[in-house]
């Protein structure tokens, strides 16, 4: 299953599932039922004005990249960090960018790689610095 969570199959061995059994039990018994019970409208989601940082891989097969962009459009104070050629576990394939972005965000600033989503089309993203 690990190869489904990364874009490059060579990175599959970097995934550590040691938390697996206990985490999945907690997920199935508590987290997932709680998520399923939510019934938030787009209007209610749009009222969230806390800063939200989404980090999303462009090759995610479990939660497509367009979904991350959609969250960015719905939330008024959200930014997205795009991890090119990464899948569902972008910290495996780009740890410096992911963990650096998280640290910057938790320190109270937007990461340099973060940008406001203006449309669902990724072609509308700001030009990347070389």
C-alpha atoms as a PDB file:
ATOM      1  CA  UNK A   1       0.000   0.000   0.000  1.00  0.00           C
ATOM      2  CA  UNK A   2       2.866   2.413   0.685  1.00  0.00           C
ATOM      3  CA  UNK A   3       3.541   2.979  -3.017  1.00  0.00           C
ATOM      4  CA  UNK A   4       0.068   4.512  -3.344  1.00  0.00           C
ATOM      5  CA  UNK A   5       0.989   7.328  -0.967  1.00  0.00           C
ATOM      6  CA  UNK A   6       4.098   8.586  -2.778  1.00  0.00           C
ATOM      7  CA  UNK A   7       4.706   9.746  -6.326  1.00  0.00           C
ATOM      8  CA  UNK A   8       8.090   8.041  -6.629  1.00  0.00           C
ATOM      9  CA  UNK A   9       7.897   4.345  -5.640  1.00  0.00           C
ATOM     10  CA  UNK A  10      11.504   4.570  -4.434  1.00  0.00           C
ATOM     11  CA  UNK A  11      10.212   6.691  -1.533  1.00  0.00           C
ATOM     12  CA  UNK A  12       7.752   4.045  -0.289  1.00  0.00           C
ATOM     13  CA  UNK A  13      10.319   2.549   2.110  1.00  0.00           C
ATOM     14  CA  UNK A  14      10.611   5.930   3.864  1.00  0.00           C
ATOM     15  CA  UNK A  15       7.062   5.575   5.233  1.00  0.00           C
ATOM     16  CA  UNK A  16       6.968   4.372   8.825  1.00  0.00           C
ATOM     17  CA  UNK A  17       3.667   2.755   9.766  1.00  0.00           C
ATOM     18  CA  UNK A  18       4.650   2.009  13.382  1.00  0.00           C
ATOM     19  CA  UNK A  19       1.686   4.032  14.704  1.00  0.00           C
ATOM     20  CA  UNK A  20      -0.684   2.081  12.441  1.00  0.00           C
ATOM     21  CA  UNK A  21      -2.908  -0.200  14.493  1.00  0.00           C
ATOM     22  CA  UNK A  22      -3.646   2.191  17.362  1.00  0.00           C
ATOM     23  CA  UNK A  23      -4.066   5.145  15.025  1.00  0.00           C
ATOM     24  CA  UNK A  24      -6.463   3.289  12.742  1.00  0.00           C
ATOM     25  CA  UNK A  25      -8.536   2.160  15.726  1.00  0.00           C
ATOM     26  CA  UNK A  26      -8.782   5.784  16.929  1.00  0.00           C
ATOM     27  CA  UNK A  27      -9.530   6.954  13.371  1.00  0.00           C
ATOM     28  CA  UNK A  28     -12.305   4.398  12.815  1.00  0.00           C
ATOM     29  CA  UNK A  29     -13.935   4.762  16.226  1.00  0.00           C
ATOM     30  CA  UNK A  30     -13.617   8.501  16.848  1.00  0.00           C
ATOM     31  CA  UNK A  31     -12.297  10.754  14.118  1.00  0.00           C
ATOM     32  CA  UNK A  32     -14.072   9.381  11.039  1.00  0.00           C
ATOM     33  CA  UNK A  33     -17.554   9.188  12.671  1.00  0.00           C
ATOM     34  CA  UNK A  34     -17.088  12.772  13.866  1.00  0.00           C
ATOM     35  CA  UNK A  35     -16.205  13.943  10.355  1.00  0.00           C
ATOM     36  CA  UNK A  36     -19.147  12.034   8.881  1.00  0.00           C
ATOM     37  CA  UNK A  37     -21.549  13.745  11.277  1.00  0.00           C
ATOM     38  CA  UNK A  38     -20.565  17.224  10.065  1.00  0.00           C
ATOM     39  CA  UNK A  39     -22.907  18.905   7.656  1.00  0.00           C
ATOM     40  CA  UNK A  40     -21.310  22.260   6.958  1.00  0.00           C
ATOM     41  CA  UNK A  41     -22.436  24.371   4.048  1.00  0.00           C
ATOM     42  CA  UNK A  42     -19.981  26.291   1.883  1.00  0.00           C
ATOM     43  CA  UNK A  43     -21.308  29.474   3.495  1.00  0.00           C
ATOM     44  CA  UNK A  44     -20.469  28.168   6.989  1.00  0.00           C
ATOM     45  CA  UNK A  45     -16.981  27.122   5.924  1.00  0.00           C
ATOM     46  CA  UNK A  46     -16.419  30.568   4.395  1.00  0.00           C
ATOM     47  CA  UNK A  47     -16.999  32.132   7.837  1.00  0.00           C
ATOM     48  CA  UNK A  48     -13.798  30.578   9.187  1.00  0.00           C
ATOM     49  CA  UNK A  49     -11.370  33.470   9.346  1.00  0.00           C
ATOM     50  CA  UNK A  50      -8.505  31.789  11.198  1.00  0.00           C
ATOM     51  CA  UNK A  51      -5.336  31.407   9.128  1.00  0.00           C
ATOM     52  CA  UNK A  52      -5.286  28.051   7.343  1.00  0.00           C
ATOM     53  CA  UNK A  53      -2.262  26.581   5.610  1.00  0.00           C
ATOM     54  CA  UNK A  54      -2.882  23.751   3.164  1.00  0.00           C
ATOM     55  CA  UNK A  55       0.090  21.741   1.937  1.00  0.00           C
ATOM     56  CA  UNK A  56      -0.781  19.528  -1.008  1.00  0.00           C
ATOM     57  CA  UNK A  57       1.061  17.299  -3.452  1.00  0.00           C
ATOM     58  CA  UNK A  58       0.177  17.666  -7.117  1.00  0.00           C
ATOM     59  CA  UNK A  59       0.193  13.885  -7.644  1.00  0.00           C
ATOM     60  CA  UNK A  60      -1.999  12.899  -4.671  1.00  0.00           C
ATOM     61  CA  UNK A  61      -4.228   9.990  -5.675  1.00  0.00           C
ATOM     62  CA  UNK A  62      -6.172   9.771  -2.382  1.00  0.00           C
ATOM     63  CA  UNK A  63      -7.128  13.443  -2.105  1.00  0.00           C
ATOM     64  CA  UNK A  64      -6.645  15.112  -5.496  1.00  0.00           C
ATOM     65  CA  UNK A  65      -4.761  18.383  -5.658  1.00  0.00           C
ATOM     66  CA  UNK A  66      -7.876  20.203  -6.884  1.00  0.00           C
ATOM     67  CA  UNK A  67      -9.480  19.539  -3.495  1.00  0.00           C
ATOM     68  CA  UNK A  68      -6.681  21.417  -1.742  1.00  0.00           C
ATOM     69  CA  UNK A  69      -7.173  24.314  -4.135  1.00  0.00           C
ATOM     70  CA  UNK A  70     -10.913  24.228  -3.454  1.00  0.00           C
ATOM     71  CA  UNK A  71     -10.276  24.595   0.295  1.00  0.00           C
ATOM     72  CA  UNK A  72      -8.047  27.555  -0.515  1.00  0.00           C
ATOM     73  CA  UNK A  73     -10.859  29.213  -2.442  1.00  0.00           C
ATOM     74  CA  UNK A  74     -13.484  28.531   0.239  1.00  0.00           C
ATOM     75  CA  UNK A  75     -11.525  29.763   3.254  1.00  0.00           C
ATOM     76  CA  UNK A  76     -10.979  33.535   3.282  1.00  0.00           C
ATOM     77  CA  UNK A  77      -7.679  33.466   5.179  1.00  0.00           C
ATOM     78  CA  UNK A  78      -6.082  30.401   3.603  1.00  0.00           C
ATOM     79  CA  UNK A  79      -2.917  29.852   1.607  1.00  0.00           C
ATOM     80  CA  UNK A  80      -1.627  26.770  -0.181  1.00  0.00           C
ATOM     81  CA  UNK A  81       1.873  25.387  -0.482  1.00  0.00           C
ATOM     82  CA  UNK A  82       2.073  23.234  -3.590  1.00  0.00           C
ATOM     83  CA  UNK A  83       4.461  20.303  -3.535  1.00  0.00           C
ATOM     84  CA  UNK A  84       5.168  19.437  -7.163  1.00  0.00           C
ATOM     85  CA  UNK A  85       5.450  15.739  -7.978  1.00  0.00           C
ATOM     86  CA  UNK A  86       4.491  14.631  -4.474  1.00  0.00           C
ATOM     87  CA  UNK A  87       1.577  12.420  -3.553  1.00  0.00           C
ATOM     88  CA  UNK A  88      -0.483  11.943  -0.364  1.00  0.00           C
ATOM     89  CA  UNK A  89       2.486  12.157   2.025  1.00  0.00           C
ATOM     90  CA  UNK A  90       4.355  15.207   0.719  1.00  0.00           C
ATOM     91  CA  UNK A  91       6.650  15.334   3.762  1.00  0.00           C
ATOM     92  CA  UNK A  92       8.205  12.064   2.567  1.00  0.00           C
ATOM     93  CA  UNK A  93       9.105  13.528  -0.819  1.00  0.00           C
ATOM     94  CA  UNK A  94       9.854  17.140   0.126  1.00  0.00           C
ATOM     95  CA  UNK A  95      10.542  17.209   3.879  1.00  0.00           C
ATOM     96  CA  UNK A  96      12.444  20.502   3.933  1.00  0.00           C
ATOM     97  CA  UNK A  97       9.713  22.398   2.091  1.00  0.00           C
ATOM     98  CA  UNK A  98       6.872  20.820   4.078  1.00  0.00           C
ATOM     99  CA  UNK A  99       8.373  21.043   7.565  1.00  0.00           C
ATOM    100  CA  UNK A 100       9.913  24.458   6.861  1.00  0.00           C
ATOM    101  CA  UNK A 101       6.504  25.757   5.740  1.00  0.00           C
ATOM    102  CA  UNK A 102       4.811  24.332   8.825  1.00  0.00           C
ATOM    103  CA  UNK A 103       7.408  25.894  11.144  1.00  0.00           C
ATOM    104  CA  UNK A 104       7.077  29.303   9.484  1.00  0.00           C
ATOM    105  CA  UNK A 105       3.277  29.116   9.708  1.00  0.00           C
ATOM    106  CA  UNK A 106       3.316  28.058  13.368  1.00  0.00           C
ATOM    107  CA  UNK A 107       5.765  30.894  14.064  1.00  0.00           C
ATOM    108  CA  UNK A 108       3.045  33.292  12.852  1.00  0.00           C
ATOM    109  CA  UNK A 109       3.996  34.026   9.241  1.00  0.00           C
ATOM    110  CA  UNK A 110       3.039  32.766   5.823  1.00  0.00           C
ATOM    111  CA  UNK A 111       5.727  30.577   4.245  1.00  0.00           C
ATOM    112  CA  UNK A 112       7.416  32.065   1.201  1.00  0.00           C
ATOM    113  CA  UNK A 113       6.014  29.206  -0.924  1.00  0.00           C
ATOM    114  CA  UNK A 114       2.429  29.849   0.224  1.00  0.00           C
ATOM    115  CA  UNK A 115       0.029  31.744  -1.977  1.00  0.00           C
ATOM    116  CA  UNK A 116      -3.649  32.642  -2.063  1.00  0.00           C
ATOM    117  CA  UNK A 117      -5.684  30.463  -4.404  1.00  0.00           C
ATOM    118  CA  UNK A 118      -7.475  32.626  -6.960  1.00  0.00           C
ATOM    119  CA  UNK A 119      -9.054  29.856  -9.066  1.00  0.00           C
ATOM    120  CA  UNK A 120      -9.317  26.082  -9.285  1.00  0.00           C
ATOM    121  CA  UNK A 121      -7.006  26.078 -12.304  1.00  0.00           C
ATOM    122  CA  UNK A 122      -3.392  25.489 -11.185  1.00  0.00           C
ATOM    123  CA  UNK A 123      -2.223  27.407 -14.275  1.00  0.00           C
ATOM    124  CA  UNK A 124      -3.392  30.539 -12.445  1.00  0.00           C
ATOM    125  CA  UNK A 125      -0.780  30.068  -9.700  1.00  0.00           C
ATOM    126  CA  UNK A 126       1.866  32.755  -9.329  1.00  0.00           C
ATOM    127  CA  UNK A 127       5.065  32.115 -11.261  1.00  0.00           C
ATOM    128  CA  UNK A 128       7.554  30.127  -9.214  1.00  0.00           C
ATOM    129  CA  UNK A 129      10.853  31.734  -8.329  1.00  0.00           C
ATOM    130  CA  UNK A 130      13.860  30.021  -9.880  1.00  0.00           C
END
